[in-house]
Amino acid sequence: MYGTSPEMLQRMYVKGSLQNQGNGFVFQVKNMIESGSLSGIAKVAVDGEERSLEGATLDLNGKVRQVSEISWSSPVYVSYGATMTVFVSGTLPSGEHTINAQFNVPELGRISMPITDTVA
């Protein structure tokens, strides 16, 4: 599909945004494809280990929603150029990490975003 190559998805990750915050970690994704809907975050795996999405949140334009509340029947509209901040419980040790985040996007299906970044 147009705009969903692995290279394009990697460019959507905001480099340097991976950091510990409170009792978890955050990373940011900037919508570089086109305006559309997000109907869920299906999975977040860190270094090959899937993380629980219980308590995970999505901050978009200052509005924070529980990931569990985002669904096909209750999607989030993401305008082109908008930056989303994803919070997942459980801090990360310092060093480089590989994250695989899977997002449900009605217009594109399930997209998998590979992220590699370092936590200071």
C-alpha atoms as a PDB file:
ATOM      1  CA  MET A   1       0.000   0.000   0.000  1.00  0.00           C
ATOM      2  CA  TYR A   2       1.129   3.532  -0.642  1.00  0.00           C
ATOM      3  CA  GLY A   3       3.090   5.106   2.188  1.00  0.00           C
ATOM      4  CA  THR A   4       3.402   2.015   4.355  1.00  0.00           C
ATOM      5  CA  SER A   5       6.876   0.774   3.435  1.00  0.00           C
ATOM      6  CA  PRO A   6       9.101  -0.148   6.409  1.00  0.00           C
ATOM      7  CA  GLU A   7      11.288   2.862   5.596  1.00  0.00           C
ATOM      8  CA  MET A   8       8.293   5.228   5.721  1.00  0.00           C
ATOM      9  CA  LEU A   9       7.104   3.728   9.006  1.00  0.00           C
ATOM     10  CA  GLN A  10      10.569   4.086  10.547  1.00  0.00           C
ATOM     11  CA  ARG A  11      10.622   7.768   9.544  1.00  0.00           C
ATOM     12  CA  MET A  12       7.355   8.296  11.431  1.00  0.00           C
ATOM     13  CA  TYR A  13       9.085   7.498  14.723  1.00  0.00           C
ATOM     14  CA  VAL A  14      10.300  10.686  16.450  1.00  0.00           C
ATOM     15  CA  LYS A  15      13.987   9.858  16.958  1.00  0.00           C
ATOM     16  CA  GLY A  16      15.139  10.454  20.519  1.00  0.00           C
ATOM     17  CA  SER A  17      11.626  10.324  21.998  1.00  0.00           C
ATOM     18  CA  LEU A  18      12.112   6.953  23.723  1.00  0.00           C
ATOM     19  CA  GLN A  19      12.529   7.674  27.419  1.00  0.00           C
ATOM     20  CA  ASN A  20      11.468   6.530  30.839  1.00  0.00           C
ATOM     21  CA  GLN A  21       8.667   8.551  32.360  1.00  0.00           C
ATOM     22  CA  GLY A  22       7.292   7.834  35.822  1.00  0.00           C
ATOM     23  CA  ASN A  23       6.621   4.103  36.124  1.00  0.00           C
ATOM     24  CA  GLY A  24       6.832   3.445  32.385  1.00  0.00           C
ATOM     25  CA  PHE A  25       8.296   4.592  29.098  1.00  0.00           C
ATOM     26  CA  VAL A  26       7.113   6.805  26.260  1.00  0.00           C
ATOM     27  CA  PHE A  27       7.809   7.137  22.560  1.00  0.00           C
ATOM     28  CA  GLN A  28       6.387   9.407  19.885  1.00  0.00           C
ATOM     29  CA  VAL A  29       5.068   8.794  16.387  1.00  0.00           C
ATOM     30  CA  LYS A  30       4.404  11.581  13.888  1.00  0.00           C
ATOM     31  CA  ASN A  31       1.753  10.905  11.239  1.00  0.00           C
ATOM     32  CA  MET A  32       3.595  11.310   7.930  1.00  0.00           C
ATOM     33  CA  ILE A  33       1.133   9.376   5.732  1.00  0.00           C
ATOM     34  CA  GLU A  34      -2.180  11.263   5.661  1.00  0.00           C
ATOM     35  CA  SER A  35      -5.022  12.179   7.994  1.00  0.00           C
ATOM     36  CA  GLY A  36      -7.004   9.180   9.155  1.00  0.00           C
ATOM     37  CA  SER A  37      -8.159   7.087  12.062  1.00  0.00           C
ATOM     38  CA  LEU A  38      -6.389   4.983  14.644  1.00  0.00           C
ATOM     39  CA  SER A  39      -8.605   2.182  15.898  1.00  0.00           C
ATOM     40  CA  GLY A  40      -6.181   0.663  18.356  1.00  0.00           C
ATOM     41  CA  ILE A  41      -2.712  -0.292  19.408  1.00  0.00           C
ATOM     42  CA  ALA A  42      -2.539  -4.039  19.013  1.00  0.00           C
ATOM     43  CA  LYS A  43       0.892  -4.735  20.459  1.00  0.00           C
ATOM     44  CA  VAL A  44       4.069  -3.207  21.839  1.00  0.00           C
ATOM     45  CA  ALA A  45       7.083  -5.491  22.141  1.00  0.00           C
ATOM     46  CA  VAL A  46      10.434  -4.406  23.581  1.00  0.00           C
ATOM     47  CA  ASP A  47      13.519  -6.412  22.615  1.00  0.00           C
ATOM     48  CA  GLY A  48      11.244  -9.244  21.489  1.00  0.00           C
ATOM     49  CA  GLU A  49       9.172  -9.328  24.692  1.00  0.00           C
ATOM     50  CA  GLU A  50       5.532  -8.274  24.428  1.00  0.00           C
ATOM     51  CA  ARG A  51       4.467  -5.681  27.002  1.00  0.00           C
ATOM     52  CA  SER A  52       1.072  -5.481  28.634  1.00  0.00           C
ATOM     53  CA  LEU A  53      -1.035  -2.604  27.340  1.00  0.00           C
ATOM     54  CA  GLU A  54      -2.949  -2.422  30.615  1.00  0.00           C
ATOM     55  CA  GLY A  55      -2.654   1.200  31.724  1.00  0.00           C
ATOM     56  CA  ALA A  56      -1.127   2.245  28.382  1.00  0.00           C
ATOM     57  CA  THR A  57      -2.184   5.665  27.121  1.00  0.00           C
ATOM     58  CA  LEU A  58      -2.130   7.688  23.920  1.00  0.00           C
ATOM     59  CA  ASP A  59      -1.641  11.453  24.137  1.00  0.00           C
ATOM     60  CA  LEU A  60      -2.750  13.299  21.013  1.00  0.00           C
ATOM     61  CA  ASN A  61      -2.924  17.103  21.020  1.00  0.00           C
ATOM     62  CA  GLY A  62      -2.981  17.130  24.830  1.00  0.00           C
ATOM     63  CA  LYS A  63      -5.915  14.719  25.054  1.00  0.00           C
ATOM     64  CA  VAL A  64      -4.931  11.514  26.821  1.00  0.00           C
ATOM     65  CA  ARG A  65      -6.915   8.331  26.170  1.00  0.00           C
ATOM     66  CA  GLN A  66      -6.503   4.852  27.557  1.00  0.00           C
ATOM     67  CA  VAL A  67      -5.363   2.518  24.781  1.00  0.00           C
ATOM     68  CA  SER A  68      -8.076   0.081  25.911  1.00  0.00           C
ATOM     69  CA  GLU A  69     -10.732   2.703  25.012  1.00  0.00           C
ATOM     70  CA  ILE A  70      -9.563   3.035  21.392  1.00  0.00           C
ATOM     71  CA  SER A  71     -11.348   0.596  19.080  1.00  0.00           C
ATOM     72  CA  TRP A  72     -13.013   0.156  15.698  1.00  0.00           C
ATOM     73  CA  SER A  73     -16.194   1.644  17.175  1.00  0.00           C
ATOM     74  CA  SER A  74     -14.324   4.392  19.054  1.00  0.00           C
ATOM     75  CA  PRO A  75     -11.327   5.418  16.905  1.00  0.00           C
ATOM     76  CA  VAL A  76      -9.060   8.437  17.303  1.00  0.00           C
ATOM     77  CA  TYR A  77      -8.739  10.877  14.404  1.00  0.00           C
ATOM     78  CA  VAL A  78      -5.079  11.647  13.646  1.00  0.00           C
ATOM     79  CA  SER A  79      -4.464  14.582  11.340  1.00  0.00           C
ATOM     80  CA  TYR A  80      -1.500  14.687   8.992  1.00  0.00           C
ATOM     81  CA  GLY A  81       1.543  15.982  10.885  1.00  0.00           C
ATOM     82  CA  ALA A  82       0.111  15.223  14.343  1.00  0.00           C
ATOM     83  CA  THR A  83       2.438  13.692  16.927  1.00  0.00           C
ATOM     84  CA  MET A  84       1.167  10.929  19.203  1.00  0.00           C
ATOM     85  CA  THR A  85       2.862  10.065  22.496  1.00  0.00           C
ATOM     86  CA  VAL A  86       2.422   6.447  23.605  1.00  0.00           C
ATOM     87  CA  PHE A  87       2.947   5.556  27.288  1.00  0.00           C
ATOM     88  CA  VAL A  88       3.503   1.927  28.305  1.00  0.00           C
ATOM     89  CA  SER A  89       3.942   0.711  31.901  1.00  0.00           C
ATOM     90  CA  GLY A  90       7.318  -0.637  32.996  1.00  0.00           C
ATOM     91  CA  THR A  91      10.540   1.340  32.725  1.00  0.00           C
ATOM     92  CA  LEU A  92      13.394   0.358  30.416  1.00  0.00           C
ATOM     93  CA  PRO A  93      17.033  -0.092  31.418  1.00  0.00           C
ATOM     94  CA  SER A  94      19.568   2.312  29.933  1.00  0.00           C
ATOM     95  CA  GLY A  95      20.874   1.370  26.520  1.00  0.00           C
ATOM     96  CA  GLU A  96      19.595   0.564  23.043  1.00  0.00           C
ATOM     97  CA  HIS A  97      16.202  -1.072  22.590  1.00  0.00           C
ATOM     98  CA  THR A  98      14.218  -2.399  19.657  1.00  0.00           C
ATOM     99  CA  ILE A  99      10.485  -1.795  19.840  1.00  0.00           C
ATOM    100  CA  ASN A 100       7.849  -3.222  17.548  1.00  0.00           C
ATOM    101  CA  ALA A 101       4.563  -1.345  17.842  1.00  0.00           C
ATOM    102  CA  GLN A 102       1.509  -2.512  15.921  1.00  0.00           C
ATOM    103  CA  PHE A 103      -1.249  -0.010  15.176  1.00  0.00           C
ATOM    104  CA  ASN A 104      -4.725  -0.689  13.759  1.00  0.00           C
ATOM    105  CA  VAL A 105      -5.442   1.856  11.030  1.00  0.00           C
ATOM    106  CA  PRO A 106      -8.801   1.344   9.266  1.00  0.00           C
ATOM    107  CA  GLU A 107      -7.553   2.919   6.033  1.00  0.00           C
ATOM    108  CA  LEU A 108      -4.397   0.749   5.905  1.00  0.00           C
ATOM    109  CA  GLY A 109      -5.015  -2.282   8.123  1.00  0.00           C
ATOM    110  CA  ARG A 110      -2.590  -3.312  10.862  1.00  0.00           C
ATOM    111  CA  ILE A 111       0.762  -1.623  10.466  1.00  0.00           C
ATOM    112  CA  SER A 112       3.885  -2.694  12.286  1.00  0.00           C
ATOM    113  CA  MET A 113       6.386   0.006  13.189  1.00  0.00           C
ATOM    114  CA  PRO A 114       9.955  -1.059  13.967  1.00  0.00           C
ATOM    115  CA  ILE A 115      11.752   1.348  16.301  1.00  0.00           C
ATOM    116  CA  THR A 116      15.336   1.307  17.504  1.00  0.00           C
ATOM    117  CA  ASP A 117      16.473   3.957  19.969  1.00  0.00           C
ATOM    118  CA  THR A 118      18.461   4.446  23.152  1.00  0.00           C
ATOM    119  CA  VAL A 119      17.313   5.241  26.670  1.00  0.00           C
ATOM    120  CA  ALA A 120      19.890   7.379  28.503  1.00  0.00           C
END
